[in-house]
PDB file of all heavy atoms in Angstrom:
ATOM      1  N   PRO A   1      69.821 119.333 104.425  1.00  0.00           N
ATOM      2  CA  PRO A   1      69.970 119.556 103.061  1.00  0.00           C
ATOM      3  C   PRO A   1      69.216 118.444 102.119  1.00  0.00           C
ATOM      4  O   PRO A   1      69.017 117.392 102.624  1.00  0.00           O
ATOM      5  CB  PRO A   1      71.401 119.472 102.822  1.00  0.00           C
ATOM      6  CG  PRO A   1      71.940 118.733 103.804  1.00  0.00           C
ATOM      7  CD  PRO A   1      71.054 118.853 104.978  1.00  0.00           C
ATOM      8  N   LEU A   2      68.890 118.816 100.953  1.00  0.00           N
ATOM      9  CA  LEU A   2      68.408 117.824  99.959  1.00  0.00           C
ATOM     10  C   LEU A   2      69.488 116.812  99.620  1.00  0.00           C
ATOM     11  O   LEU A   2      69.114 115.539  99.455  1.00  0.00           O
ATOM     12  CB  LEU A   2      67.850 118.519  98.653  1.00  0.00           C
ATOM     13  CG  LEU A   2      67.489 117.734  97.527  1.00  0.00           C
ATOM     14  CD1 LEU A   2      66.203 116.966  97.854  1.00  0.00           C
ATOM     15  CD2 LEU A   2      67.357 118.531  96.246  1.00  0.00           C
ATOM     16  N   GLU A   3      70.611 117.335  99.497  1.00  0.00           N
ATOM     17  CA  GLU A   3      71.880 116.491  99.119  1.00  0.00           C
ATOM     18  C   GLU A   3      73.000 116.936  99.830  1.00  0.00           C
ATOM     19  O   GLU A   3      73.313 118.086  99.972  1.00  0.00           O
ATOM     20  CB  GLU A   3      71.899 116.577  97.596  1.00  0.00           C
ATOM     21  CG  GLU A   3      73.026 115.801  97.038  1.00  0.00           C
ATOM     22  CD  GLU A   3      73.153 115.942  95.463  1.00  0.00           C
ATOM     23  OE1 GLU A   3      72.360 116.821  94.877  1.00  0.00           O
ATOM     24  OE2 GLU A   3      73.929 115.225  94.896  1.00  0.00           O
ATOM     25  N   ARG A   4      73.795 115.923 100.268  1.00  0.00           N
ATOM     26  CA  ARG A   4      75.233 116.150 100.763  1.00  0.00           C
ATOM     27  C   ARG A   4      76.113 115.579  99.654  1.00  0.00           C
ATOM     28  O   ARG A   4      76.043 114.425  99.418  1.00  0.00           O
ATOM     29  CB  ARG A   4      75.486 115.503 101.977  1.00  0.00           C
ATOM     30  CG  ARG A   4      74.759 116.130 103.224  1.00  0.00           C
ATOM     31  CD  ARG A   4      75.139 115.428 104.480  1.00  0.00           C
ATOM     32  NE  ARG A   4      74.462 115.972 105.629  1.00  0.00           N
ATOM     33  CZ  ARG A   4      73.311 115.755 106.140  1.00  0.00           C
ATOM     34  NH1 ARG A   4      72.602 114.702 105.564  1.00  0.00           N
ATOM     35  NH2 ARG A   4      72.724 116.300 107.099  1.00  0.00           N
ATOM     36  N   THR A   5      77.034 116.432  98.996  1.00  0.00           N
ATOM     37  CA  THR A   5      77.830 116.004  98.010  1.00  0.00           C
ATOM     38  C   THR A   5      79.226 116.625  98.195  1.00  0.00           C
ATOM     39  O   THR A   5      79.461 117.168  99.145  1.00  0.00           O
ATOM     40  CB  THR A   5      77.209 116.417  96.557  1.00  0.00           C
ATOM     41  OG1 THR A   5      77.976 115.806  95.570  1.00  0.00           O
ATOM     42  CG2 THR A   5      77.092 117.924  96.487  1.00  0.00           C
ATOM     43  N   PHE A   6      79.983 116.528  97.050  1.00  0.00           N
ATOM     44  CA  PHE A   6      81.433 117.103  97.150  1.00  0.00           C
ATOM     45  C   PHE A   6      81.685 117.997  95.900  1.00  0.00           C
ATOM     46  O   PHE A   6      80.986 117.765  94.883  1.00  0.00           O
ATOM     47  CB  PHE A   6      82.442 115.988  97.225  1.00  0.00           C
ATOM     48  CG  PHE A   6      82.230 115.193  98.496  1.00  0.00           C
ATOM     49  CD1 PHE A   6      81.465 114.077  98.545  1.00  0.00           C
ATOM     50  CD2 PHE A   6      82.912 115.571  99.588  1.00  0.00           C
ATOM     51  CE1 PHE A   6      81.370 113.271  99.709  1.00  0.00           C
ATOM     52  CE2 PHE A   6      82.790 114.861 100.825  1.00  0.00           C
ATOM     53  CZ  PHE A   6      82.090 113.719 100.837  1.00  0.00           C
ATOM     54  N   TRP A   7      82.563 118.882  96.108  1.00  0.00           N
ATOM     55  CA  TRP A   7      83.114 119.559  94.950  1.00  0.00           C
ATOM     56  C   TRP A   7      84.583 119.711  94.953  1.00  0.00           C
ATOM     57  O   TRP A   7      85.166 119.417  96.013  1.00  0.00           O
ATOM     58  CB  TRP A   7      82.468 121.108  94.945  1.00  0.00           C
ATOM     59  CG  TRP A   7      82.926 121.990  96.039  1.00  0.00           C
ATOM     60  CD1 TRP A   7      82.765 121.717  97.354  1.00  0.00           C
ATOM     61  CD2 TRP A   7      83.608 123.199  95.934  1.00  0.00           C
ATOM     62  NE1 TRP A   7      83.337 122.758  98.145  1.00  0.00           N
ATOM     63  CE2 TRP A   7      83.894 123.675  97.199  1.00  0.00           C
ATOM     64  CE3 TRP A   7      84.037 123.976  94.890  1.00  0.00           C
ATOM     65  CZ2 TRP A   7      84.513 124.808  97.511  1.00  0.00           C
ATOM     66  CZ3 TRP A   7      84.750 125.088  95.130  1.00  0.00           C
ATOM     67  CH2 TRP A   7      84.956 125.548  96.375  1.00  0.00           C
ATOM     68  N   MET A   8      85.250 119.896  93.832  1.00  0.00           N
ATOM     69  CA  MET A   8      86.647 119.797  93.837  1.00  0.00           C
ATOM     70  C   MET A   8      87.166 121.256  94.036  1.00  0.00           C
ATOM     71  O   MET A   8      86.738 122.288  93.441  1.00  0.00           O
ATOM     72  CB  MET A   8      87.191 119.369  92.388  1.00  0.00           C
ATOM     73  CG  MET A   8      86.812 117.883  92.197  1.00  0.00           C
ATOM     74  SD  MET A   8      87.496 116.757  93.305  1.00  0.00           S
ATOM     75  CE  MET A   8      89.263 116.919  93.008  1.00  0.00           C
ATOM     76  N   PHE A   9      88.188 121.362  95.018  1.00  0.00           N
ATOM     77  CA  PHE A   9      88.774 122.653  95.369  1.00  0.00           C
ATOM     78  C   PHE A   9      90.242 122.398  95.567  1.00  0.00           C
ATOM     79  O   PHE A   9      90.522 121.625  96.484  1.00  0.00           O
ATOM     80  CB  PHE A   9      88.049 123.324  96.452  1.00  0.00           C
ATOM     81  CG  PHE A   9      88.524 124.755  96.765  1.00  0.00           C
ATOM     82  CD1 PHE A   9      88.281 125.815  95.786  1.00  0.00           C
ATOM     83  CD2 PHE A   9      89.177 125.076  97.759  1.00  0.00           C
ATOM     84  CE1 PHE A   9      88.657 127.108  95.891  1.00  0.00           C
ATOM     85  CE2 PHE A   9      89.617 126.391  97.995  1.00  0.00           C
ATOM     86  CZ  PHE A   9      89.346 127.402  97.063  1.00  0.00           C
ATOM     87  N   HIS A  10      91.102 122.995  94.774  1.00  0.00           N
ATOM     88  CA  HIS A  10      92.635 122.800  94.954  1.00  0.00           C
ATOM     89  C   HIS A  10      92.866 121.273  94.920  1.00  0.00           C
ATOM     90  O   HIS A  10      93.595 120.623  95.700  1.00  0.00           O
ATOM     91  CB  HIS A  10      93.199 123.367  96.299  1.00  0.00           C
ATOM     92  CG  HIS A  10      93.110 124.756  96.343  1.00  0.00           C
ATOM     93  ND1 HIS A  10      93.740 125.558  95.500  1.00  0.00           N
ATOM     94  CD2 HIS A  10      92.323 125.708  97.137  1.00  0.00           C
ATOM     95  CE1 HIS A  10      93.506 126.905  95.782  1.00  0.00           C
ATOM     96  NE2 HIS A  10      92.693 126.904  96.717  1.00  0.00           N
ATOM     97  N   GLU A  11      92.204 120.596  93.879  1.00  0.00           N
ATOM     98  CA  GLU A  11      92.445 119.144  93.659  1.00  0.00           C
ATOM     99  C   GLU A  11      92.092 118.278  94.854  1.00  0.00           C
ATOM    100  O   GLU A  11      92.643 117.165  95.026  1.00  0.00           O
ATOM    101  CB  GLU A  11      93.785 118.883  93.144  1.00  0.00           C
ATOM    102  CG  GLU A  11      94.220 119.582  91.944  1.00  0.00           C
ATOM    103  CD  GLU A  11      95.575 119.287  91.389  1.00  0.00           C
ATOM    104  OE1 GLU A  11      96.324 118.532  92.061  1.00  0.00           O
ATOM    105  OE2 GLU A  11      96.057 120.043  90.518  1.00  0.00           O
ATOM    106  N   LYS A  12      91.167 118.698  95.679  1.00  0.00           N
ATOM    107  CA  LYS A  12      90.728 117.900  96.838  1.00  0.00           C
ATOM    108  C   LYS A  12      89.158 118.079  96.883  1.00  0.00           C
ATOM    109  O   LYS A  12      88.577 119.106  96.562  1.00  0.00           O
ATOM    110  CB  LYS A  12      91.293 118.530  97.985  1.00  0.00           C
ATOM    111  CG  LYS A  12      90.973 117.773  99.374  1.00  0.00           C
ATOM    112  CD  LYS A  12      91.636 118.358 100.510  1.00  0.00           C
ATOM    113  CE  LYS A  12      91.150 117.715 101.729  1.00  0.00           C
ATOM    114  NZ  LYS A  12      91.308 118.577 102.967  1.00  0.00           N
ATOM    115  N   GLN A  13      88.543 116.965  97.277  1.00  0.00           N
ATOM    116  CA  GLN A  13      87.069 116.929  97.401  1.00  0.00           C
ATOM    117  C   GLN A  13      86.690 117.599  98.772  1.00  0.00           C
ATOM    118  O   GLN A  13      87.213 117.220  99.778  1.00  0.00           O
ATOM    119  CB  GLN A  13      86.542 115.489  97.405  1.00  0.00           C
ATOM    120  CG  GLN A  13      86.395 114.826  95.951  1.00  0.00           C
ATOM    121  CD  GLN A  13      85.648 113.519  96.113  1.00  0.00           C
ATOM    122  OE1 GLN A  13      85.583 112.824  97.066  1.00  0.00           O
ATOM    123  NE2 GLN A  13      85.045 113.179  94.875  1.00  0.00           N
ATOM    124  N   GLU A  14      85.814 118.667  98.702  1.00  0.00           N
ATOM    125  CA  GLU A  14      85.348 119.274  99.787  1.00  0.00           C
ATOM    126  C   GLU A  14      83.878 119.109  99.811  1.00  0.00           C
ATOM    127  O   GLU A  14      83.107 119.005  98.811  1.00  0.00           O
ATOM    128  CB  GLU A  14      85.721 120.822  99.747  1.00  0.00           C
ATOM    129  CG  GLU A  14      87.197 121.083  99.795  1.00  0.00           C
ATOM    130  CD  GLU A  14      87.852 120.770 101.131  1.00  0.00           C
ATOM    131  OE1 GLU A  14      87.157 120.662 102.112  1.00  0.00           O
ATOM    132  OE2 GLU A  14      89.065 120.554 101.170  1.00  0.00           O
ATOM    133  N   PRO A  15      83.180 119.239 101.005  1.00  0.00           N
ATOM    134  CA  PRO A  15      81.827 119.118 101.146  1.00  0.00           C
ATOM    135  C   PRO A  15      80.954 120.250 100.592  1.00  0.00           C
ATOM    136  O   PRO A  15      81.432 121.342 100.463  1.00  0.00           O
ATOM    137  CB  PRO A  15      81.458 119.089 102.669  1.00  0.00           C
ATOM    138  CG  PRO A  15      82.932 118.977 103.441  1.00  0.00           C
ATOM    139  CD  PRO A  15      83.942 119.370 102.458  1.00  0.00           C
ATOM    140  N   GLN A  16      79.827 119.863 100.109  1.00  0.00           N
ATOM    141  CA  GLN A  16      78.820 120.750  99.500  1.00  0.00           C
ATOM    142  C   GLN A  16      77.444 120.374  99.965  1.00  0.00           C
ATOM    143  O   GLN A  16      77.170 119.101  99.966  1.00  0.00           O
ATOM    144  CB  GLN A  16      78.886 120.810  98.020  1.00  0.00           C
ATOM    145  CG  GLN A  16      77.853 121.773  97.514  1.00  0.00           C
ATOM    146  CD  GLN A  16      77.731 121.612  95.908  1.00  0.00           C
ATOM    147  OE1 GLN A  16      78.477 120.807  95.308  1.00  0.00           O
ATOM    148  NE2 GLN A  16      76.788 122.339  95.357  1.00  0.00           N
ATOM    149  N   LEU A  17      76.692 121.340 100.478  1.00  0.00           N
ATOM    150  CA  LEU A  17      75.290 121.051 100.793  1.00  0.00           C
ATOM    151  C   LEU A  17      74.319 121.666  99.656  1.00  0.00           C
ATOM    152  O   LEU A  17      74.726 122.821  99.269  1.00  0.00           O
ATOM    153  CB  LEU A  17      74.941 121.687 102.223  1.00  0.00           C
ATOM    154  CG  LEU A  17      75.743 121.222 103.374  1.00  0.00           C
ATOM    155  CD1 LEU A  17      75.296 121.946 104.620  1.00  0.00           C
ATOM    156  CD2 LEU A  17      75.677 119.734 103.573  1.00  0.00           C
ATOM    157  N   VAL A  18      73.337 120.984  99.339  1.00  0.00           N
ATOM    158  CA  VAL A  18      72.409 121.390  98.264  1.00  0.00           C
ATOM    159  C   VAL A  18      71.026 121.461  98.930  1.00  0.00           C
ATOM    160  O   VAL A  18      70.465 120.492  99.486  1.00  0.00           O
ATOM    161  CB  VAL A  18      72.461 120.537  97.071  1.00  0.00           C
ATOM    162  CG1 VAL A  18      71.436 120.987  95.922  1.00  0.00           C
ATOM    163  CG2 VAL A  18      73.831 120.447  96.434  1.00  0.00           C
ATOM    164  N   TYR A  19      70.457 122.627  98.823  1.00  0.00           N
ATOM    165  CA  TYR A  19      68.959 122.811  99.200  1.00  0.00           C
ATOM    166  C   TYR A  19      68.108 123.164  98.019  1.00  0.00           C
ATOM    167  O   TYR A  19      68.660 123.943  97.096  1.00  0.00           O
ATOM    168  CB  TYR A  19      68.925 124.009 100.191  1.00  0.00           C
ATOM    169  CG  TYR A  19      69.610 123.635 101.535  1.00  0.00           C
ATOM    170  CD1 TYR A  19      70.969 123.850 101.754  1.00  0.00           C
ATOM    171  CD2 TYR A  19      68.935 123.099 102.601  1.00  0.00           C
ATOM    172  CE1 TYR A  19      71.605 123.624 102.864  1.00  0.00           C
ATOM    173  CE2 TYR A  19      69.572 122.765 103.725  1.00  0.00           C
ATOM    174  CZ  TYR A  19      70.920 123.023 103.964  1.00  0.00           C
ATOM    175  OH  TYR A  19      71.631 122.770 105.036  1.00  0.00           O
ATOM    176  N   GLN A  20      66.958 122.765  97.906  1.00  0.00           N
ATOM    177  CA  GLN A  20      66.025 123.105  96.773  1.00  0.00           C
ATOM    178  C   GLN A  20      64.687 123.211  97.326  1.00  0.00           C
ATOM    179  O   GLN A  20      64.215 122.472  98.282  1.00  0.00           O
ATOM    180  CB  GLN A  20      66.116 122.061  95.742  1.00  0.00           C
ATOM    181  CG  GLN A  20      65.419 122.391  94.555  1.00  0.00           C
ATOM    182  CD  GLN A  20      65.641 121.399  93.322  1.00  0.00           C
ATOM    183  OE1 GLN A  20      66.673 120.708  93.398  1.00  0.00           O
ATOM    184  NE2 GLN A  20      64.746 121.356  92.399  1.00  0.00           N
ATOM    185  N   SER A  21      63.856 124.180  96.852  1.00  0.00           N
ATOM    186  CA  SER A  21      62.509 124.404  97.235  1.00  0.00           C
ATOM    187  C   SER A  21      61.566 124.030  96.165  1.00  0.00           C
ATOM    188  O   SER A  21      61.845 124.049  95.052  1.00  0.00           O
ATOM    189  CB  SER A  21      62.335 125.847  97.764  1.00  0.00           C
ATOM    190  OG  SER A  21      62.053 126.608  96.571  1.00  0.00           O
ATOM    191  N   LEU A  22      60.305 123.824  96.607  1.00  0.00           N
ATOM    192  CA  LEU A  22      59.245 123.671  95.604  1.00  0.00           C
ATOM    193  C   LEU A  22      58.843 124.902  94.943  1.00  0.00           C
ATOM    194  O   LEU A  22      58.334 124.973  93.899  1.00  0.00           O
ATOM    195  CB  LEU A  22      57.994 123.032  96.356  1.00  0.00           C
ATOM    196  CG  LEU A  22      58.204 121.767  97.000  1.00  0.00           C
ATOM    197  CD1 LEU A  22      56.870 121.280  97.742  1.00  0.00           C
ATOM    198  CD2 LEU A  22      58.462 120.598  95.821  1.00  0.00           C
ATOM    199  N   ALA A  23      59.266 125.971  95.514  1.00  0.00           N
ATOM    200  CA  ALA A  23      58.988 127.364  94.932  1.00  0.00           C
ATOM    201  C   ALA A  23      59.933 127.649  93.683  1.00  0.00           C
ATOM    202  O   ALA A  23      59.718 128.596  92.956  1.00  0.00           O
ATOM    203  CB  ALA A  23      59.200 128.475  95.985  1.00  0.00           C
ATOM    204  N   GLY A  24      60.920 126.803  93.572  1.00  0.00           N
ATOM    205  CA  GLY A  24      61.738 127.009  92.301  1.00  0.00           C
ATOM    206  C   GLY A  24      63.100 127.543  92.505  1.00  0.00           C
ATOM    207  O   GLY A  24      63.599 128.293  91.619  1.00  0.00           O
ATOM    208  N   TRP A  25      63.723 127.382  93.654  1.00  0.00           N
ATOM    209  CA  TRP A  25      65.165 127.852  93.785  1.00  0.00           C
ATOM    210  C   TRP A  25      65.955 126.752  94.281  1.00  0.00           C
ATOM    211  O   TRP A  25      65.575 125.768  94.919  1.00  0.00           O
ATOM    212  CB  TRP A  25      65.175 129.103  94.696  1.00  0.00           C
ATOM    213  CG  TRP A  25      64.654 128.999  96.099  1.00  0.00           C
ATOM    214  CD1 TRP A  25      63.399 129.400  96.541  1.00  0.00           C
ATOM    215  CD2 TRP A  25      65.199 128.291  97.239  1.00  0.00           C
ATOM    216  NE1 TRP A  25      63.134 129.107  97.778  1.00  0.00           N
ATOM    217  CE2 TRP A  25      64.350 128.412  98.203  1.00  0.00           C
ATOM    218  CE3 TRP A  25      66.427 127.707  97.505  1.00  0.00           C
ATOM    219  CZ2 TRP A  25      64.553 127.889  99.590  1.00  0.00           C
ATOM    220  CZ3 TRP A  25      66.773 127.245  98.648  1.00  0.00           C
ATOM    221  CH2 TRP A  25      65.726 127.326  99.753  1.00  0.00           C
ATOM    222  N   LYS A  26      67.340 126.921  94.039  1.00  0.00           N
ATOM    223  CA  LYS A  26      68.335 125.932  94.589  1.00  0.00           C
ATOM    224  C   LYS A  26      69.524 126.746  95.084  1.00  0.00           C
ATOM    225  O   LYS A  26      69.861 127.722  94.638  1.00  0.00           O
ATOM    226  CB  LYS A  26      68.805 125.169  93.241  1.00  0.00           C
ATOM    227  CG  LYS A  26      69.762 124.019  93.667  1.00  0.00           C
ATOM    228  CD  LYS A  26      70.032 123.221  92.429  1.00  0.00           C
ATOM    229  CE  LYS A  26      70.884 122.002  92.743  1.00  0.00           C
ATOM    230  NZ  LYS A  26      71.081 121.168  91.389  1.00  0.00           N
ATOM    231  N   LEU A  27      69.991 126.241  96.278  1.00  0.00           N
ATOM    232  CA  LEU A  27      70.991 126.867  97.087  1.00  0.00           C
ATOM    233  C   LEU A  27      72.107 125.884  97.249  1.00  0.00           C
ATOM    234  O   LEU A  27      71.887 124.730  97.669  1.00  0.00           O
ATOM    235  CB  LEU A  27      70.372 127.421  98.369  1.00  0.00           C
ATOM    236  CG  LEU A  27      71.486 127.833  99.496  1.00  0.00           C
ATOM    237  CD1 LEU A  27      72.045 129.099  98.910  1.00  0.00           C
ATOM    238  CD2 LEU A  27      70.768 128.112 100.831  1.00  0.00           C
ATOM    239  N   GLY A  28      73.302 126.286  96.942  1.00  0.00           N
ATOM    240  CA  GLY A  28      74.426 125.466  97.181  1.00  0.00           C
ATOM    241  C   GLY A  28      75.359 126.135  98.187  1.00  0.00           C
ATOM    242  O   GLY A  28      75.603 127.380  98.094  1.00  0.00           O
ATOM    243  N   VAL A  29      75.902 125.337  99.218  1.00  0.00           N
ATOM    244  CA  VAL A  29      76.761 125.867 100.175  1.00  0.00           C
ATOM    245  C   VAL A  29      77.977 125.105 100.081  1.00  0.00           C
ATOM    246  O   VAL A  29      78.069 123.808 100.241  1.00  0.00           O
ATOM    247  CB  VAL A  29      76.030 125.691 101.637  1.00  0.00           C
ATOM    248  CG1 VAL A  29      76.970 126.279 102.611  1.00  0.00           C
ATOM    249  CG2 VAL A  29      74.674 126.346 101.653  1.00  0.00           C
ATOM    250  N   TYR A  30      79.234 125.745  99.858  1.00  0.00           N
ATOM    251  CA  TYR A  30      80.501 125.132  99.487  1.00  0.00           C
ATOM    252  C   TYR A  30      81.361 125.329 100.738  1.00  0.00           C
ATOM    253  O   TYR A  30      81.496 126.469 101.323  1.00  0.00           O
ATOM    254  CB  TYR A  30      81.066 125.786  98.365  1.00  0.00           C
ATOM    255  CG  TYR A  30      80.117 125.631  97.105  1.00  0.00           C
ATOM    256  CD1 TYR A  30      79.097 126.445  96.892  1.00  0.00           C
ATOM    257  CD2 TYR A  30      80.353 124.459  96.256  1.00  0.00           C
ATOM    258  CE1 TYR A  30      78.276 126.365  95.728  1.00  0.00           C
ATOM    259  CE2 TYR A  30      79.497 124.308  95.102  1.00  0.00           C
ATOM    260  CZ  TYR A  30      78.548 125.327  94.853  1.00  0.00           C
ATOM    261  OH  TYR A  30      77.720 125.036  93.791  1.00  0.00           O
ATOM    262  N   PHE A  31      82.152 124.197 101.056  1.00  0.00           N
ATOM    263  CA  PHE A  31      82.987 124.300 102.325  1.00  0.00           C
ATOM    264  C   PHE A  31      84.386 124.085 101.890  1.00  0.00           C
ATOM    265  O   PHE A  31      84.732 123.337 100.944  1.00  0.00           O
ATOM    266  CB  PHE A  31      82.562 123.187 103.256  1.00  0.00           C
ATOM    267  CG  PHE A  31      81.158 123.468 103.872  1.00  0.00           C
ATOM    268  CD1 PHE A  31      80.094 122.905 103.222  1.00  0.00           C
ATOM    269  CD2 PHE A  31      81.003 124.099 105.019  1.00  0.00           C
ATOM    270  CE1 PHE A  31      78.871 123.137 103.765  1.00  0.00           C
ATOM    271  CE2 PHE A  31      79.808 124.297 105.617  1.00  0.00           C
ATOM    272  CZ  PHE A  31      78.702 123.796 104.916  1.00  0.00           C
ATOM    273  N   TYR A  32      85.359 124.690 102.571  1.00  0.00           N
ATOM    274  CA  TYR A  32      86.737 124.389 102.483  1.00  0.00           C
ATOM    275  C   TYR A  32      87.371 124.533 103.887  1.00  0.00           C
ATOM    276  O   TYR A  32      87.129 125.442 104.587  1.00  0.00           O
ATOM    277  CB  TYR A  32      87.435 125.393 101.534  1.00  0.00           C
ATOM    278  CG  TYR A  32      88.916 125.197 101.449  1.00  0.00           C
ATOM    279  CD1 TYR A  32      89.514 124.027 100.926  1.00  0.00           C
ATOM    280  CD2 TYR A  32      89.761 126.148 101.993  1.00  0.00           C
ATOM    281  CE1 TYR A  32      90.822 123.835 100.814  1.00  0.00           C
ATOM    282  CE2 TYR A  32      91.204 125.889 101.981  1.00  0.00           C
ATOM    283  CZ  TYR A  32      91.656 124.769 101.405  1.00  0.00           C
ATOM    284  OH  TYR A  32      93.059 124.613 101.360  1.00  0.00           O
TER     285      TYR A  32
END
């Protein structure tokens, strides 16, 4: 992924992967 980050879900930080292309799109993948 371009970035490994976190998102809040049920007051807890959970992993998120972020992908981005030069073609102009961004994909977020959220885990719990």
